[in-house]
């Protein structure tokens, strides 16, 4: 049976869940991507995500109606 601490950690991961991107803190080639995200969980204002170092950045087409 998972502990309450493990259950909370799994909820914070939010795999496959919708989230709100609050801020891109860092996005530079050769550095980790750093994000601040809102998982919409009670008692959790914001959480972070960090990637492995970025090796390539590709342009993404603009989506009309999104700002």
N, C-alpha and C. Protein backbone atom coordinates (compact mmCIF):
# COMPACT_ATOMS: atom_id res chain seq x y z
N UNK A 1 0.84 -1.18 0.00
CA UNK A 1 0.00 0.00 0.00
C UNK A 1 0.89 1.24 0.00
N UNK A 2 0.73 2.15 -0.98
CA UNK A 2 1.56 3.36 -1.03
C UNK A 2 1.31 4.26 0.17
N UNK A 3 2.38 4.88 0.65
CA UNK A 3 2.25 5.81 1.77
C UNK A 3 1.59 7.10 1.28
N UNK A 4 1.10 7.91 2.23
CA UNK A 4 0.48 9.19 1.88
C UNK A 4 1.49 10.09 1.16
N UNK A 5 2.75 10.02 1.58
CA UNK A 5 3.80 10.83 0.93
C UNK A 5 3.99 10.41 -0.52
N UNK A 6 4.01 9.10 -0.77
CA UNK A 6 4.15 8.61 -2.15
C UNK A 6 2.95 8.99 -3.00
N UNK A 7 1.76 8.91 -2.43
CA UNK A 7 0.54 9.29 -3.16
C UNK A 7 0.62 10.76 -3.58
N UNK A 8 1.06 11.62 -2.67
CA UNK A 8 1.19 13.06 -2.97
C UNK A 8 2.22 13.27 -4.07
N UNK A 9 3.33 12.57 -4.00
CA UNK A 9 4.38 12.70 -5.02
C UNK A 9 3.84 12.30 -6.39
N UNK A 10 3.06 11.23 -6.45
CA UNK A 10 2.48 10.80 -7.72
C UNK A 10 1.51 11.84 -8.27
N UNK A 11 0.70 12.46 -7.40
CA UNK A 11 -0.22 13.51 -7.85
C UNK A 11 0.56 14.70 -8.38
N UNK A 12 1.69 15.03 -7.75
CA UNK A 12 2.49 16.18 -8.20
C UNK A 12 3.13 15.92 -9.56
N UNK A 13 3.41 14.67 -9.89
CA UNK A 13 3.97 14.38 -11.22
C UNK A 13 2.97 14.75 -12.30
N UNK A 14 1.72 14.40 -12.10
CA UNK A 14 0.67 14.78 -13.03
C UNK A 14 0.81 14.17 -14.42
N UNK A 15 1.41 13.00 -14.52
CA UNK A 15 1.59 12.37 -15.83
C UNK A 15 0.26 12.23 -16.55
N UNK A 16 0.18 12.73 -17.77
CA UNK A 16 -1.01 12.60 -18.59
C UNK A 16 -2.13 13.56 -18.22
N UNK A 17 -1.92 14.41 -17.24
CA UNK A 17 -2.95 15.35 -16.80
C UNK A 17 -2.79 16.70 -17.48
N UNK A 18 -3.90 17.43 -17.62
CA UNK A 18 -3.84 18.80 -18.11
C UNK A 18 -3.19 19.66 -17.03
N UNK A 19 -2.42 20.63 -17.47
CA UNK A 19 -1.77 21.55 -16.53
C UNK A 19 -1.74 22.94 -17.13
N UNK A 20 -1.37 23.90 -16.32
CA UNK A 20 -1.26 25.29 -16.77
C UNK A 20 0.21 25.67 -16.72
N UNK A 21 0.77 26.04 -17.87
CA UNK A 21 2.14 26.52 -17.92
C UNK A 21 2.15 27.95 -17.43
N UNK A 22 2.79 28.19 -16.31
CA UNK A 22 2.85 29.53 -15.73
C UNK A 22 4.02 30.33 -16.28
N UNK A 23 5.17 29.68 -16.43
CA UNK A 23 6.36 30.42 -16.89
C UNK A 23 7.41 29.46 -17.43
N UNK A 24 8.06 29.88 -18.52
CA UNK A 24 9.26 29.20 -18.99
C UNK A 24 10.43 29.97 -18.38
N UNK A 25 11.07 29.38 -17.40
CA UNK A 25 12.16 30.04 -16.68
C UNK A 25 13.42 30.04 -17.53
N UNK A 26 13.70 28.91 -18.18
CA UNK A 26 14.91 28.79 -18.99
C UNK A 26 14.66 27.84 -20.15
N UNK A 27 15.09 28.25 -21.34
CA UNK A 27 14.99 27.40 -22.52
C UNK A 27 16.13 27.79 -23.45
N UNK A 28 17.30 27.22 -23.20
CA UNK A 28 18.49 27.53 -23.99
C UNK A 28 19.21 26.23 -24.34
N UNK A 29 19.71 26.18 -25.57
CA UNK A 29 20.45 25.00 -26.01
C UNK A 29 21.64 24.74 -25.08
N UNK A 30 21.80 23.50 -24.69
CA UNK A 30 22.88 23.11 -23.80
C UNK A 30 22.53 23.21 -22.32
N UNK A 31 21.36 23.75 -22.01
CA UNK A 31 20.92 23.92 -20.62
C UNK A 31 19.61 23.15 -20.42
N UNK A 32 19.28 22.78 -19.20
CA UNK A 32 17.99 22.12 -18.95
C UNK A 32 16.83 23.10 -19.17
N UNK A 33 15.72 22.60 -19.64
CA UNK A 33 14.48 23.37 -19.72
C UNK A 33 13.92 23.46 -18.31
N UNK A 34 13.60 24.67 -17.86
CA UNK A 34 13.02 24.86 -16.53
C UNK A 34 11.65 25.50 -16.68
N UNK A 35 10.63 24.87 -16.12
CA UNK A 35 9.25 25.35 -16.22
C UNK A 35 8.63 25.50 -14.84
N UNK A 36 7.75 26.48 -14.71
CA UNK A 36 6.87 26.60 -13.54
C UNK A 36 5.48 26.24 -14.02
N UNK A 37 4.85 25.28 -13.37
CA UNK A 37 3.54 24.82 -13.80
C UNK A 37 2.56 24.79 -12.63
N UNK A 38 1.29 24.88 -12.99
CA UNK A 38 0.19 24.83 -12.03
C UNK A 38 -0.59 23.55 -12.34
N UNK A 39 -0.58 22.62 -11.41
CA UNK A 39 -1.29 21.36 -11.60
C UNK A 39 -2.74 21.41 -11.12
N UNK A 40 -3.15 22.57 -10.62
CA UNK A 40 -4.51 22.75 -10.10
C UNK A 40 -4.83 21.76 -8.98
N UNK A 41 -3.86 21.60 -8.06
CA UNK A 41 -4.05 20.74 -6.90
C UNK A 41 -4.25 21.59 -5.66
N UNK A 42 -5.19 21.23 -4.81
CA UNK A 42 -5.41 21.99 -3.58
C UNK A 42 -4.14 22.03 -2.73
N UNK A 43 -3.79 23.21 -2.26
CA UNK A 43 -2.63 23.37 -1.39
C UNK A 43 -1.30 23.44 -2.11
N UNK A 44 -1.30 23.32 -3.44
CA UNK A 44 -0.05 23.39 -4.22
C UNK A 44 -0.18 24.58 -5.15
N UNK A 45 0.55 25.65 -4.85
CA UNK A 45 0.44 26.86 -5.67
C UNK A 45 1.12 26.68 -7.02
N UNK A 46 2.32 26.12 -7.01
CA UNK A 46 3.09 25.97 -8.24
C UNK A 46 4.12 24.87 -8.03
N UNK A 47 4.53 24.22 -9.10
CA UNK A 47 5.59 23.23 -9.03
C UNK A 47 6.52 23.43 -10.22
N UNK A 48 7.65 22.77 -10.21
CA UNK A 48 8.64 22.96 -11.27
C UNK A 48 8.85 21.68 -12.05
N UNK A 49 9.33 21.84 -13.25
CA UNK A 49 9.78 20.72 -14.07
C UNK A 49 11.12 21.10 -14.67
N UNK A 50 12.04 20.15 -14.70
CA UNK A 50 13.36 20.36 -15.29
C UNK A 50 13.66 19.19 -16.21
N UNK A 51 14.13 19.50 -17.42
CA UNK A 51 14.45 18.47 -18.41
C UNK A 51 15.95 18.18 -18.39
N UNK A 52 16.32 17.22 -19.19
CA UNK A 52 17.74 17.02 -19.49
C UNK A 52 18.19 18.20 -20.35
N UNK A 53 19.50 18.41 -20.54
CA UNK A 53 19.94 19.54 -21.37
C UNK A 53 19.33 19.50 -22.78
N UNK A 54 18.94 20.66 -23.25
CA UNK A 54 18.33 20.81 -24.57
C UNK A 54 19.41 20.68 -25.64
N UNK A 55 19.16 19.85 -26.65
CA UNK A 55 20.14 19.71 -27.73
C UNK A 55 19.69 20.42 -29.01
N UNK A 56 18.38 20.67 -29.15
CA UNK A 56 17.89 21.33 -30.35
C UNK A 56 16.57 22.02 -30.03
N UNK A 57 16.34 23.17 -30.65
CA UNK A 57 15.08 23.89 -30.50
C UNK A 57 14.49 24.08 -31.89
N UNK A 58 13.28 23.57 -32.09
CA UNK A 58 12.59 23.69 -33.38
C UNK A 58 11.47 24.71 -33.26
N UNK A 59 11.27 25.47 -34.33
CA UNK A 59 10.17 26.43 -34.37
C UNK A 59 8.84 25.67 -34.43
N UNK A 60 7.84 26.20 -33.76
CA UNK A 60 6.50 25.62 -33.78
C UNK A 60 5.59 26.62 -34.47
N UNK A 61 4.76 26.17 -35.42
CA UNK A 61 3.87 27.12 -36.09
C UNK A 61 2.93 27.80 -35.10
N UNK A 62 2.63 29.06 -35.36
CA UNK A 62 1.71 29.82 -34.51
C UNK A 62 0.31 29.24 -34.63
N UNK A 63 -0.39 29.17 -33.51
CA UNK A 63 -1.78 28.70 -33.51
C UNK A 63 -2.66 29.93 -33.34
N UNK A 64 -3.49 30.21 -34.31
CA UNK A 64 -4.35 31.40 -34.23
C UNK A 64 -5.35 31.25 -33.09
N UNK A 65 -5.59 32.36 -32.40
CA UNK A 65 -6.53 32.36 -31.30
C UNK A 65 -5.89 32.06 -29.97
N UNK A 66 -4.61 31.68 -29.96
CA UNK A 66 -3.88 31.43 -28.72
C UNK A 66 -2.90 32.56 -28.52
N UNK A 67 -2.79 33.01 -27.30
CA UNK A 67 -1.83 34.08 -27.03
C UNK A 67 -0.83 33.65 -25.99
